[in-house]
PDB file of all heavy atoms in Angstrom:
ATOM      1  N   TRP A   1      11.942   2.654   6.969  1.00  0.00           N
ATOM      2  CA  TRP A   1      11.192   3.374   6.106  1.00  0.00           C
ATOM      3  C   TRP A   1      10.350   4.448   6.811  1.00  0.00           C
ATOM      4  O   TRP A   1       9.451   5.045   6.193  1.00  0.00           O
ATOM      5  CB  TRP A   1      10.345   2.533   5.193  1.00  0.00           C
ATOM      6  CG  TRP A   1      11.046   1.912   4.122  1.00  0.00           C
ATOM      7  CD1 TRP A   1      11.641   0.500   4.305  1.00  0.00           C
ATOM      8  CD2 TRP A   1      11.434   2.215   2.896  1.00  0.00           C
ATOM      9  NE1 TRP A   1      12.234   0.213   3.118  1.00  0.00           N
ATOM     10  CE2 TRP A   1      12.187   1.215   2.253  1.00  0.00           C
ATOM     11  CE3 TRP A   1      11.190   3.328   2.131  1.00  0.00           C
ATOM     12  CZ2 TRP A   1      12.694   1.387   0.986  1.00  0.00           C
ATOM     13  CZ3 TRP A   1      11.650   3.489   0.758  1.00  0.00           C
ATOM     14  CH2 TRP A   1      12.478   2.546   0.176  1.00  0.00           C
ATOM     15  N   ALA A   2      10.662   4.710   8.046  1.00  0.00           N
ATOM     16  CA  ALA A   2       9.822   5.613   8.947  1.00  0.00           C
ATOM     17  C   ALA A   2       9.806   6.980   8.375  1.00  0.00           C
ATOM     18  O   ALA A   2       8.694   7.714   8.459  1.00  0.00           O
ATOM     19  CB  ALA A   2      10.243   5.539  10.346  1.00  0.00           C
ATOM     20  N   GLU A   3      10.875   7.447   7.732  1.00  0.00           N
ATOM     21  CA  GLU A   3      10.978   8.821   7.245  1.00  0.00           C
ATOM     22  C   GLU A   3      10.411   9.024   5.914  1.00  0.00           C
ATOM     23  O   GLU A   3      10.484  10.091   5.279  1.00  0.00           O
ATOM     24  CB  GLU A   3      12.411   9.286   7.330  1.00  0.00           C
ATOM     25  CG  GLU A   3      13.033   9.254   8.843  1.00  0.00           C
ATOM     26  CD  GLU A   3      12.231  10.151   9.753  1.00  0.00           C
ATOM     27  OE1 GLU A   3      11.832  11.262   9.333  1.00  0.00           O
ATOM     28  OE2 GLU A   3      11.932   9.717  10.726  1.00  0.00           O
ATOM     29  N   ALA A   4       9.992   7.874   5.301  1.00  0.00           N
ATOM     30  CA  ALA A   4       9.558   7.998   3.864  1.00  0.00           C
ATOM     31  C   ALA A   4       8.213   8.697   3.797  1.00  0.00           C
ATOM     32  O   ALA A   4       7.362   8.567   4.583  1.00  0.00           O
ATOM     33  CB  ALA A   4       9.429   6.631   3.198  1.00  0.00           C
ATOM     34  N   THR A   5       8.096   9.432   2.625  1.00  0.00           N
ATOM     35  CA  THR A   5       6.738  10.028   2.275  1.00  0.00           C
ATOM     36  C   THR A   5       5.832   8.895   1.667  1.00  0.00           C
ATOM     37  O   THR A   5       6.506   7.915   1.182  1.00  0.00           O
ATOM     38  CB  THR A   5       6.835  11.152   1.351  1.00  0.00           C
ATOM     39  OG1 THR A   5       7.511  10.690   0.156  1.00  0.00           O
ATOM     40  CG2 THR A   5       7.724  12.382   1.914  1.00  0.00           C
ATOM     41  N   ARG A   6       4.573   9.002   1.897  1.00  0.00           N
ATOM     42  CA  ARG A   6       3.757   8.114   1.426  1.00  0.00           C
ATOM     43  C   ARG A   6       2.715   8.548   0.438  1.00  0.00           C
ATOM     44  O   ARG A   6       2.027   9.520   0.845  1.00  0.00           O
ATOM     45  CB  ARG A   6       2.964   7.400   2.614  1.00  0.00           C
ATOM     46  CG  ARG A   6       3.947   6.704   3.558  1.00  0.00           C
ATOM     47  CD  ARG A   6       3.292   6.314   4.957  1.00  0.00           C
ATOM     48  NE  ARG A   6       2.070   5.434   4.720  1.00  0.00           N
ATOM     49  CZ  ARG A   6       1.310   5.076   5.705  1.00  0.00           C
ATOM     50  NH1 ARG A   6       1.583   5.483   7.006  1.00  0.00           N
ATOM     51  NH2 ARG A   6       0.273   4.316   5.455  1.00  0.00           N
ATOM     52  N   SER A   7       2.662   7.953  -0.727  1.00  0.00           N
ATOM     53  CA  SER A   7       1.737   8.541  -1.805  1.00  0.00           C
ATOM     54  C   SER A   7       0.790   7.415  -2.169  1.00  0.00           C
ATOM     55  O   SER A   7       1.166   6.396  -2.613  1.00  0.00           O
ATOM     56  CB  SER A   7       2.500   8.976  -3.019  1.00  0.00           C
ATOM     57  OG  SER A   7       3.395  10.024  -2.618  1.00  0.00           O
ATOM     58  N   PHE A   8      -0.436   7.572  -2.056  1.00  0.00           N
ATOM     59  CA  PHE A   8      -1.525   6.598  -2.429  1.00  0.00           C
ATOM     60  C   PHE A   8      -1.513   6.338  -3.881  1.00  0.00           C
ATOM     61  O   PHE A   8      -1.315   7.251  -4.737  1.00  0.00           O
ATOM     62  CB  PHE A   8      -2.975   7.164  -2.053  1.00  0.00           C
ATOM     63  CG  PHE A   8      -4.061   6.240  -2.445  1.00  0.00           C
ATOM     64  CD1 PHE A   8      -4.277   5.127  -1.771  1.00  0.00           C
ATOM     65  CD2 PHE A   8      -4.894   6.504  -3.576  1.00  0.00           C
ATOM     66  CE1 PHE A   8      -5.384   4.250  -2.222  1.00  0.00           C
ATOM     67  CE2 PHE A   8      -5.772   5.551  -4.031  1.00  0.00           C
ATOM     68  CZ  PHE A   8      -6.084   4.574  -3.192  1.00  0.00           C
ATOM     69  N   MET A   9      -1.515   5.071  -4.263  1.00  0.00           N
ATOM     70  CA  MET A   9      -1.529   4.646  -5.555  1.00  0.00           C
ATOM     71  C   MET A   9      -2.887   4.089  -5.950  1.00  0.00           C
ATOM     72  O   MET A   9      -3.562   3.570  -5.085  1.00  0.00           O
ATOM     73  CB  MET A   9      -0.553   3.573  -5.862  1.00  0.00           C
ATOM     74  CG  MET A   9       0.967   4.010  -5.599  1.00  0.00           C
ATOM     75  SD  MET A   9       2.148   2.643  -5.614  1.00  0.00           S
ATOM     76  CE  MET A   9       1.958   2.070  -7.355  1.00  0.00           C
ATOM     77  N   LEU A  10      -3.316   4.224  -7.273  1.00  0.00           N
ATOM     78  CA  LEU A  10      -4.592   3.719  -7.632  1.00  0.00           C
ATOM     79  C   LEU A  10      -4.622   2.197  -7.432  1.00  0.00           C
ATOM     80  O   LEU A  10      -3.812   1.519  -7.832  1.00  0.00           O
ATOM     81  CB  LEU A  10      -4.811   3.980  -9.151  1.00  0.00           C
ATOM     82  CG  LEU A  10      -6.179   3.654  -9.763  1.00  0.00           C
ATOM     83  CD1 LEU A  10      -7.178   4.476  -9.007  1.00  0.00           C
ATOM     84  CD2 LEU A  10      -6.171   3.828 -11.240  1.00  0.00           C
ATOM     85  N   GLY A  11      -5.687   1.810  -6.732  1.00  0.00           N
ATOM     86  CA  GLY A  11      -5.881   0.322  -6.451  1.00  0.00           C
ATOM     87  C   GLY A  11      -6.486  -0.489  -7.599  1.00  0.00           C
ATOM     88  O   GLY A  11      -6.614   0.011  -8.722  1.00  0.00           O
ATOM     89  N   ASP A  12      -6.916  -1.687  -7.297  1.00  0.00           N
ATOM     90  CA  ASP A  12      -7.502  -2.562  -8.317  1.00  0.00           C
ATOM     91  C   ASP A  12      -8.928  -2.839  -7.856  1.00  0.00           C
ATOM     92  O   ASP A  12      -9.490  -2.131  -6.979  1.00  0.00           O
ATOM     93  CB  ASP A  12      -6.665  -3.741  -8.459  1.00  0.00           C
ATOM     94  CG  ASP A  12      -6.382  -4.494  -7.283  1.00  0.00           C
ATOM     95  OD1 ASP A  12      -7.079  -4.287  -6.302  1.00  0.00           O
ATOM     96  OD2 ASP A  12      -5.464  -5.304  -7.232  1.00  0.00           O
ATOM     97  N   ALA A  13      -9.466  -3.952  -8.420  1.00  0.00           N
ATOM     98  CA  ALA A  13     -10.869  -4.165  -8.186  1.00  0.00           C
ATOM     99  C   ALA A  13     -11.022  -4.979  -6.756  1.00  0.00           C
ATOM    100  O   ALA A  13     -12.130  -5.337  -6.326  1.00  0.00           O
ATOM    101  CB  ALA A  13     -11.400  -5.144  -9.214  1.00  0.00           C
ATOM    102  N   SER A  14      -9.789  -5.105  -6.009  1.00  0.00           N
ATOM    103  CA  SER A  14      -9.955  -5.889  -4.834  1.00  0.00           C
ATOM    104  C   SER A  14      -9.930  -4.946  -3.560  1.00  0.00           C
ATOM    105  O   SER A  14     -10.114  -3.690  -3.841  1.00  0.00           O
ATOM    106  CB  SER A  14      -8.605  -6.850  -4.747  1.00  0.00           C
ATOM    107  OG  SER A  14      -7.484  -5.919  -4.493  1.00  0.00           O
ATOM    108  N   THR A  15      -9.757  -5.592  -2.504  1.00  0.00           N
ATOM    109  CA  THR A  15      -9.786  -4.801  -1.171  1.00  0.00           C
ATOM    110  C   THR A  15      -8.272  -4.333  -0.920  1.00  0.00           C
ATOM    111  O   THR A  15      -8.067  -3.698   0.137  1.00  0.00           O
ATOM    112  CB  THR A  15     -10.224  -5.632   0.003  1.00  0.00           C
ATOM    113  OG1 THR A  15      -9.613  -6.784   0.061  1.00  0.00           O
ATOM    114  CG2 THR A  15     -11.681  -5.972  -0.182  1.00  0.00           C
ATOM    115  N   ARG A  16      -7.313  -4.796  -1.681  1.00  0.00           N
ATOM    116  CA  ARG A  16      -5.871  -4.346  -1.383  1.00  0.00           C
ATOM    117  C   ARG A  16      -5.732  -2.867  -1.799  1.00  0.00           C
ATOM    118  O   ARG A  16      -6.447  -2.203  -2.544  1.00  0.00           O
ATOM    119  CB  ARG A  16      -5.015  -5.151  -2.317  1.00  0.00           C
ATOM    120  CG  ARG A  16      -4.914  -6.670  -1.953  1.00  0.00           C
ATOM    121  CD  ARG A  16      -3.993  -7.443  -2.786  1.00  0.00           C
ATOM    122  NE  ARG A  16      -4.261  -7.356  -4.220  1.00  0.00           N
ATOM    123  CZ  ARG A  16      -5.131  -8.141  -4.867  1.00  0.00           C
ATOM    124  NH1 ARG A  16      -5.802  -9.035  -4.085  1.00  0.00           N
ATOM    125  NH2 ARG A  16      -5.328  -8.034  -6.101  1.00  0.00           N
ATOM    126  N   ALA A  17      -4.752  -2.236  -1.169  1.00  0.00           N
ATOM    127  CA  ALA A  17      -4.282  -0.913  -1.334  1.00  0.00           C
ATOM    128  C   ALA A  17      -2.810  -0.750  -1.470  1.00  0.00           C
ATOM    129  O   ALA A  17      -2.113  -1.673  -0.905  1.00  0.00           O
ATOM    130  CB  ALA A  17      -4.878   0.106  -0.275  1.00  0.00           C
ATOM    131  N   TYR A  18      -2.300   0.152  -2.154  1.00  0.00           N
ATOM    132  CA  TYR A  18      -0.928   0.468  -2.300  1.00  0.00           C
ATOM    133  C   TYR A  18      -0.441   1.831  -2.074  1.00  0.00           C
ATOM    134  O   TYR A  18      -1.273   2.750  -2.503  1.00  0.00           O
ATOM    135  CB  TYR A  18      -0.539   0.002  -3.804  1.00  0.00           C
ATOM    136  CG  TYR A  18      -0.944  -1.502  -4.161  1.00  0.00           C
ATOM    137  CD1 TYR A  18      -2.157  -1.661  -4.676  1.00  0.00           C
ATOM    138  CD2 TYR A  18      -0.065  -2.502  -3.897  1.00  0.00           C
ATOM    139  CE1 TYR A  18      -2.483  -3.035  -4.956  1.00  0.00           C
ATOM    140  CE2 TYR A  18      -0.505  -3.789  -4.274  1.00  0.00           C
ATOM    141  CZ  TYR A  18      -1.642  -4.059  -4.767  1.00  0.00           C
ATOM    142  OH  TYR A  18      -2.112  -5.353  -5.021  1.00  0.00           O
ATOM    143  N   GLU A  19       0.687   1.887  -1.557  1.00  0.00           N
ATOM    144  CA  GLU A  19       1.284   3.270  -1.396  1.00  0.00           C
ATOM    145  C   GLU A  19       2.784   3.259  -1.945  1.00  0.00           C
ATOM    146  O   GLU A  19       3.473   2.255  -1.708  1.00  0.00           O
ATOM    147  CB  GLU A  19       1.321   3.771   0.047  1.00  0.00           C
ATOM    148  CG  GLU A  19      -0.145   3.996   0.608  1.00  0.00           C
ATOM    149  CD  GLU A  19      -0.129   4.341   2.137  1.00  0.00           C
ATOM    150  OE1 GLU A  19       0.981   4.792   2.482  1.00  0.00           O
ATOM    151  OE2 GLU A  19      -1.239   4.176   2.797  1.00  0.00           O
ATOM    152  N   ARG A  20       3.153   4.368  -2.482  1.00  0.00           N
ATOM    153  CA  ARG A  20       4.543   4.458  -2.870  1.00  0.00           C
ATOM    154  C   ARG A  20       5.338   5.215  -1.871  1.00  0.00           C
ATOM    155  O   ARG A  20       4.901   6.263  -1.433  1.00  0.00           O
ATOM    156  CB  ARG A  20       4.699   5.084  -4.301  1.00  0.00           C
ATOM    157  CG  ARG A  20       6.103   5.295  -4.712  1.00  0.00           C
ATOM    158  CD  ARG A  20       6.267   5.669  -6.140  1.00  0.00           C
ATOM    159  NE  ARG A  20       6.415   4.429  -7.016  1.00  0.00           N
ATOM    160  CZ  ARG A  20       5.433   4.218  -7.992  1.00  0.00           C
ATOM    161  NH1 ARG A  20       4.349   4.966  -8.239  1.00  0.00           N
ATOM    162  NH2 ARG A  20       5.606   3.136  -8.690  1.00  0.00           N
ATOM    163  N   LEU A  21       6.319   4.675  -1.398  1.00  0.00           N
ATOM    164  CA  LEU A  21       7.298   5.142  -0.393  1.00  0.00           C
ATOM    165  C   LEU A  21       8.409   5.760  -0.927  1.00  0.00           C
ATOM    166  O   LEU A  21       9.033   5.204  -1.816  1.00  0.00           O
ATOM    167  CB  LEU A  21       7.666   4.054   0.632  1.00  0.00           C
ATOM    168  CG  LEU A  21       6.462   3.180   1.303  1.00  0.00           C
ATOM    169  CD1 LEU A  21       7.131   2.102   2.061  1.00  0.00           C
ATOM    170  CD2 LEU A  21       5.537   3.913   2.170  1.00  0.00           C
ATOM    171  N   ARG A  22       8.814   6.885  -0.437  1.00  0.00           N
ATOM    172  CA  ARG A  22      10.070   7.583  -0.961  1.00  0.00           C
ATOM    173  C   ARG A  22      10.717   8.190   0.114  1.00  0.00           C
ATOM    174  O   ARG A  22      10.238   8.963   0.927  1.00  0.00           O
ATOM    175  CB  ARG A  22       9.665   8.705  -1.971  1.00  0.00           C
ATOM    176  CG  ARG A  22      10.861   9.356  -2.626  1.00  0.00           C
ATOM    177  CD  ARG A  22      10.376  10.447  -3.571  1.00  0.00           C
ATOM    178  NE  ARG A  22      11.545  11.204  -4.276  1.00  0.00           N
ATOM    179  CZ  ARG A  22      12.079  10.819  -5.376  1.00  0.00           C
ATOM    180  NH1 ARG A  22      11.668   9.624  -5.910  1.00  0.00           N
ATOM    181  NH2 ARG A  22      13.129  11.319  -5.858  1.00  0.00           N
ATOM    182  N   LYS A  23      12.073   7.683   0.365  1.00  0.00           N
ATOM    183  CA  LYS A  23      12.921   8.133   1.330  1.00  0.00           C
ATOM    184  C   LYS A  23      13.494   9.511   0.931  1.00  0.00           C
ATOM    185  O   LYS A  23      13.481   9.943  -0.180  1.00  0.00           O
ATOM    186  CB  LYS A  23      14.071   7.139   1.647  1.00  0.00           C
ATOM    187  CG  LYS A  23      13.603   5.842   2.296  1.00  0.00           C
ATOM    188  CD  LYS A  23      14.916   5.017   2.567  1.00  0.00           C
ATOM    189  CE  LYS A  23      14.520   3.696   3.223  1.00  0.00           C
ATOM    190  NZ  LYS A  23      15.677   2.910   3.537  1.00  0.00           N
ATOM    191  N   PRO A  24      13.988  10.358   1.967  1.00  0.00           N
ATOM    192  CA  PRO A  24      14.640  11.585   1.596  1.00  0.00           C
ATOM    193  C   PRO A  24      15.624  11.389   0.548  1.00  0.00           C
ATOM    194  O   PRO A  24      16.113  12.331  -0.103  1.00  0.00           O
ATOM    195  CB  PRO A  24      15.136  12.048   2.935  1.00  0.00           C
ATOM    196  CG  PRO A  24      14.144  11.423   4.034  1.00  0.00           C
ATOM    197  CD  PRO A  24      13.856  10.087   3.431  1.00  0.00           C
ATOM    198  N   ASN A  25      16.446  10.254   0.554  1.00  0.00           N
ATOM    199  CA  ASN A  25      17.643  10.111  -0.458  1.00  0.00           C
ATOM    200  C   ASN A  25      17.053   9.677  -1.807  1.00  0.00           C
ATOM    201  O   ASN A  25      17.919   9.377  -2.635  1.00  0.00           O
ATOM    202  CB  ASN A  25      18.604   9.049   0.165  1.00  0.00           C
ATOM    203  CG  ASN A  25      17.935   7.595   0.314  1.00  0.00           C
ATOM    204  OD1 ASN A  25      16.723   7.379  -0.099  1.00  0.00           O
ATOM    205  ND2 ASN A  25      18.774   6.665   0.872  1.00  0.00           N
ATOM    206  N   GLY A  26      15.731   9.576  -1.989  1.00  0.00           N
ATOM    207  CA  GLY A  26      15.042   9.205  -3.285  1.00  0.00           C
ATOM    208  C   GLY A  26      14.878   7.700  -3.460  1.00  0.00           C
ATOM    209  O   GLY A  26      14.218   7.322  -4.374  1.00  0.00           O
ATOM    210  N   GLU A  27      15.281   6.859  -2.547  1.00  0.00           N
ATOM    211  CA  GLU A  27      15.026   5.516  -2.610  1.00  0.00           C
ATOM    212  C   GLU A  27      13.380   5.183  -2.572  1.00  0.00           C
ATOM    213  O   GLU A  27      12.843   5.829  -1.662  1.00  0.00           O
ATOM    214  CB  GLU A  27      15.775   4.687  -1.562  1.00  0.00           C
ATOM    215  CG  GLU A  27      15.543   3.147  -1.603  1.00  0.00           C
ATOM    216  CD  GLU A  27      16.212   2.396  -0.518  1.00  0.00           C
ATOM    217  OE1 GLU A  27      17.075   3.094   0.271  1.00  0.00           O
ATOM    218  OE2 GLU A  27      16.176   1.169  -0.411  1.00  0.00           O
ATOM    219  N   GLN A  28      12.965   4.332  -3.362  1.00  0.00           N
ATOM    220  CA  GLN A  28      11.513   4.035  -3.377  1.00  0.00           C
ATOM    221  C   GLN A  28      11.177   2.599  -3.138  1.00  0.00           C
ATOM    222  O   GLN A  28      11.973   1.694  -3.416  1.00  0.00           O
ATOM    223  CB  GLN A  28      10.939   4.518  -4.682  1.00  0.00           C
ATOM    224  CG  GLN A  28      10.975   5.890  -4.987  1.00  0.00           C
ATOM    225  CD  GLN A  28      10.315   6.446  -6.197  1.00  0.00           C
ATOM    226  OE1 GLN A  28      10.020   7.590  -6.506  1.00  0.00           O
ATOM    227  NE2 GLN A  28       9.873   5.585  -7.175  1.00  0.00           N
ATOM    228  N   ALA A  29       9.923   2.397  -2.718  1.00  0.00           N
ATOM    229  CA  ALA A  29       9.357   0.973  -2.462  1.00  0.00           C
ATOM    230  C   ALA A  29       7.934   1.162  -2.422  1.00  0.00           C
ATOM    231  O   ALA A  29       7.319   2.270  -2.596  1.00  0.00           O
ATOM    232  CB  ALA A  29       9.907   0.384  -0.997  1.00  0.00           C
ATOM    233  N   ILE A  30       7.214  -0.005  -2.474  1.00  0.00           N
ATOM    234  CA  ILE A  30       5.811  -0.080  -2.493  1.00  0.00           C
ATOM    235  C   ILE A  30       5.180  -0.622  -1.215  1.00  0.00           C
ATOM    236  O   ILE A  30       5.729  -1.744  -0.793  1.00  0.00           O
ATOM    237  CB  ILE A  30       5.282  -0.951  -3.740  1.00  0.00           C
ATOM    238  CG1 ILE A  30       5.744  -0.265  -4.999  1.00  0.00           C
ATOM    239  CG2 ILE A  30       3.763  -0.996  -3.721  1.00  0.00           C
ATOM    240  CD1 ILE A  30       5.290   1.123  -5.357  1.00  0.00           C
ATOM    241  N   LEU A  31       4.420   0.005  -0.574  1.00  0.00           N
ATOM    242  CA  LEU A  31       3.686  -0.487   0.621  1.00  0.00           C
ATOM    243  C   LEU A  31       2.427  -1.235   0.164  1.00  0.00           C
ATOM    244  O   LEU A  31       1.521  -0.564  -0.343  1.00  0.00           O
ATOM    245  CB  LEU A  31       3.417   0.594   1.728  1.00  0.00           C
ATOM    246  CG  LEU A  31       2.522   0.137   2.753  1.00  0.00           C
ATOM    247  CD1 LEU A  31       3.165  -0.877   3.656  1.00  0.00           C
ATOM    248  CD2 LEU A  31       2.115   1.333   3.731  1.00  0.00           C
ATOM    249  N   MET A  32       2.400  -2.529   0.416  1.00  0.00           N
ATOM    250  CA  MET A  32       1.128  -3.419  -0.034  1.00  0.00           C
ATOM    251  C   MET A  32       0.305  -3.485   1.304  1.00  0.00           C
ATOM    252  O   MET A  32       0.875  -4.087   2.200  1.00  0.00           O
ATOM    253  CB  MET A  32       1.582  -4.657  -0.555  1.00  0.00           C
ATOM    254  CG  MET A  32       0.337  -5.522  -0.968  1.00  0.00           C
ATOM    255  SD  MET A  32       0.930  -7.046  -1.722  1.00  0.00           S
ATOM    256  CE  MET A  32      -0.548  -7.852  -2.056  1.00  0.00           C
ATOM    257  N   ILE A  33      -0.953  -3.137   1.239  1.00  0.00           N
ATOM    258  CA  ILE A  33      -1.829  -3.350   2.367  1.00  0.00           C
ATOM    259  C   ILE A  33      -2.895  -4.180   1.889  1.00  0.00           C
ATOM    260  O   ILE A  33      -3.732  -3.972   1.127  1.00  0.00           O
ATOM    261  CB  ILE A  33      -2.415  -1.942   2.679  1.00  0.00           C
ATOM    262  CG1 ILE A  33      -1.319  -0.943   3.010  1.00  0.00           C
ATOM    263  CG2 ILE A  33      -3.345  -2.115   3.930  1.00  0.00           C
ATOM    264  CD1 ILE A  33      -1.854   0.478   3.110  1.00  0.00           C
ATOM    265  N   SER A  34      -2.794  -5.410   2.439  1.00  0.00           N
ATOM    266  CA  SER A  34      -3.563  -6.557   2.023  1.00  0.00           C
ATOM    267  C   SER A  34      -4.235  -7.181   3.289  1.00  0.00           C
ATOM    268  O   SER A  34      -3.886  -8.312   3.774  1.00  0.00           O
ATOM    269  CB  SER A  34      -2.846  -7.652   1.305  1.00  0.00           C
ATOM    270  OG  SER A  34      -3.639  -8.614   0.778  1.00  0.00           O
ATOM    271  N   PRO A  35      -5.345  -6.535   3.825  1.00  0.00           N
ATOM    272  CA  PRO A  35      -5.912  -7.034   5.108  1.00  0.00           C
ATOM    273  C   PRO A  35      -6.631  -8.496   4.790  1.00  0.00           C
ATOM    274  O   PRO A  35      -6.929  -8.639   3.580  1.00  0.00           O
ATOM    275  CB  PRO A  35      -6.935  -6.092   5.357  1.00  0.00           C
ATOM    276  CG  PRO A  35      -7.248  -5.318   4.145  1.00  0.00           C
ATOM    277  CD  PRO A  35      -6.048  -5.367   3.315  1.00  0.00           C
ATOM    278  N   PRO A  36      -6.805  -9.203   5.849  1.00  0.00           N
ATOM    279  CA  PRO A  36      -7.545 -10.471   5.552  1.00  0.00           C
ATOM    280  C   PRO A  36      -8.853 -10.281   4.805  1.00  0.00           C
ATOM    281  O   PRO A  36      -9.618  -9.322   5.252  1.00  0.00           O
ATOM    282  CB  PRO A  36      -7.646 -11.077   6.870  1.00  0.00           C
ATOM    283  CG  PRO A  36      -6.530 -10.445   7.685  1.00  0.00           C
ATOM    284  CD  PRO A  36      -6.410  -9.075   7.183  1.00  0.00           C
ATOM    285  N   ARG A  37      -9.189 -11.230   3.981  1.00  0.00           N
ATOM    286  CA  ARG A  37     -10.428 -11.103   3.266  1.00  0.00           C
ATOM    287  C   ARG A  37     -11.623 -11.322   4.163  1.00  0.00           C
ATOM    288  O   ARG A  37     -11.640 -12.362   5.047  1.00  0.00           O
ATOM    289  CB  ARG A  37     -10.557 -12.085   2.118  1.00  0.00           C
ATOM    290  CG  ARG A  37     -11.812 -11.903   1.207  1.00  0.00           C
ATOM    291  CD  ARG A  37     -11.886 -13.084   0.337  1.00  0.00           C
ATOM    292  NE  ARG A  37     -10.811 -13.198  -0.556  1.00  0.00           N
ATOM    293  CZ  ARG A  37     -10.677 -12.544  -1.682  1.00  0.00           C
ATOM    294  NH1 ARG A  37     -11.722 -11.865  -2.180  1.00  0.00           N
ATOM    295  NH2 ARG A  37      -9.489 -12.732  -2.411  1.00  0.00           N
ATOM    296  N   PRO A  38     -12.569 -10.430   4.269  1.00  0.00           N
ATOM    297  CA  PRO A  38     -13.753 -10.627   5.241  1.00  0.00           C
ATOM    298  C   PRO A  38     -14.525 -11.994   4.785  1.00  0.00           C
ATOM    299  O   PRO A  38     -14.485 -12.165   3.633  1.00  0.00           O
ATOM    300  CB  PRO A  38     -14.674  -9.361   4.809  1.00  0.00           C
ATOM    301  CG  PRO A  38     -13.702  -8.463   4.341  1.00  0.00           C
ATOM    302  CD  PRO A  38     -12.624  -9.122   3.518  1.00  0.00           C
ATOM    303  N   VAL A  39     -14.947 -12.660   5.768  1.00  0.00           N
ATOM    304  CA  VAL A  39     -15.607 -13.900   5.523  1.00  0.00           C
ATOM    305  C   VAL A  39     -17.017 -13.618   4.950  1.00  0.00           C
ATOM    306  O   VAL A  39     -17.937 -12.894   5.666  1.00  0.00           O
ATOM    307  CB  VAL A  39     -15.709 -14.783   6.873  1.00  0.00           C
ATOM    308  CG1 VAL A  39     -16.495 -16.014   6.507  1.00  0.00           C
ATOM    309  CG2 VAL A  39     -14.276 -15.060   7.364  1.00  0.00           C
ATOM    310  N   GLY A  40     -17.233 -14.033   3.827  1.00  0.00           N
ATOM    311  CA  GLY A  40     -18.518 -13.650   3.173  1.00  0.00           C
ATOM    312  C   GLY A  40     -19.607 -14.803   3.539  1.00  0.00           C
ATOM    313  O   GLY A  40     -19.316 -15.653   4.248  1.00  0.00           O
ATOM    314  N   PRO A  41     -20.829 -14.629   3.164  1.00  0.00           N
ATOM    315  CA  PRO A  41     -21.895 -15.580   3.404  1.00  0.00           C
ATOM    316  C   PRO A  41     -21.642 -16.874   2.745  1.00  0.00           C
ATOM    317  O   PRO A  41     -21.080 -16.882   1.716  1.00  0.00           O
ATOM    318  CB  PRO A  41     -23.123 -14.910   2.826  1.00  0.00           C
ATOM    319  CG  PRO A  41     -22.619 -13.988   1.794  1.00  0.00           C
ATOM    320  CD  PRO A  41     -21.246 -13.511   2.242  1.00  0.00           C
ATOM    321  N   ALA A  42     -22.144 -17.939   3.383  1.00  0.00           N
ATOM    322  CA  ALA A  42     -21.974 -19.318   2.671  1.00  0.00           C
ATOM    323  C   ALA A  42     -22.900 -19.241   1.547  1.00  0.00           C
ATOM    324  O   ALA A  42     -23.991 -18.996   1.495  1.00  0.00           O
ATOM    325  CB  ALA A  42     -22.383 -20.319   3.786  1.00  0.00           C
TER     326      ALA A  42
END
């Protein structure tokens, strides 16, 4: 998917983010970016 264009998608109430990937041939996929949750206070 290195040649795919990346379009930011509206996220949700969490820390996750999403991008729509589109290859030159029109094939699409979703990139899910879900970093580890920061450790909050006890």
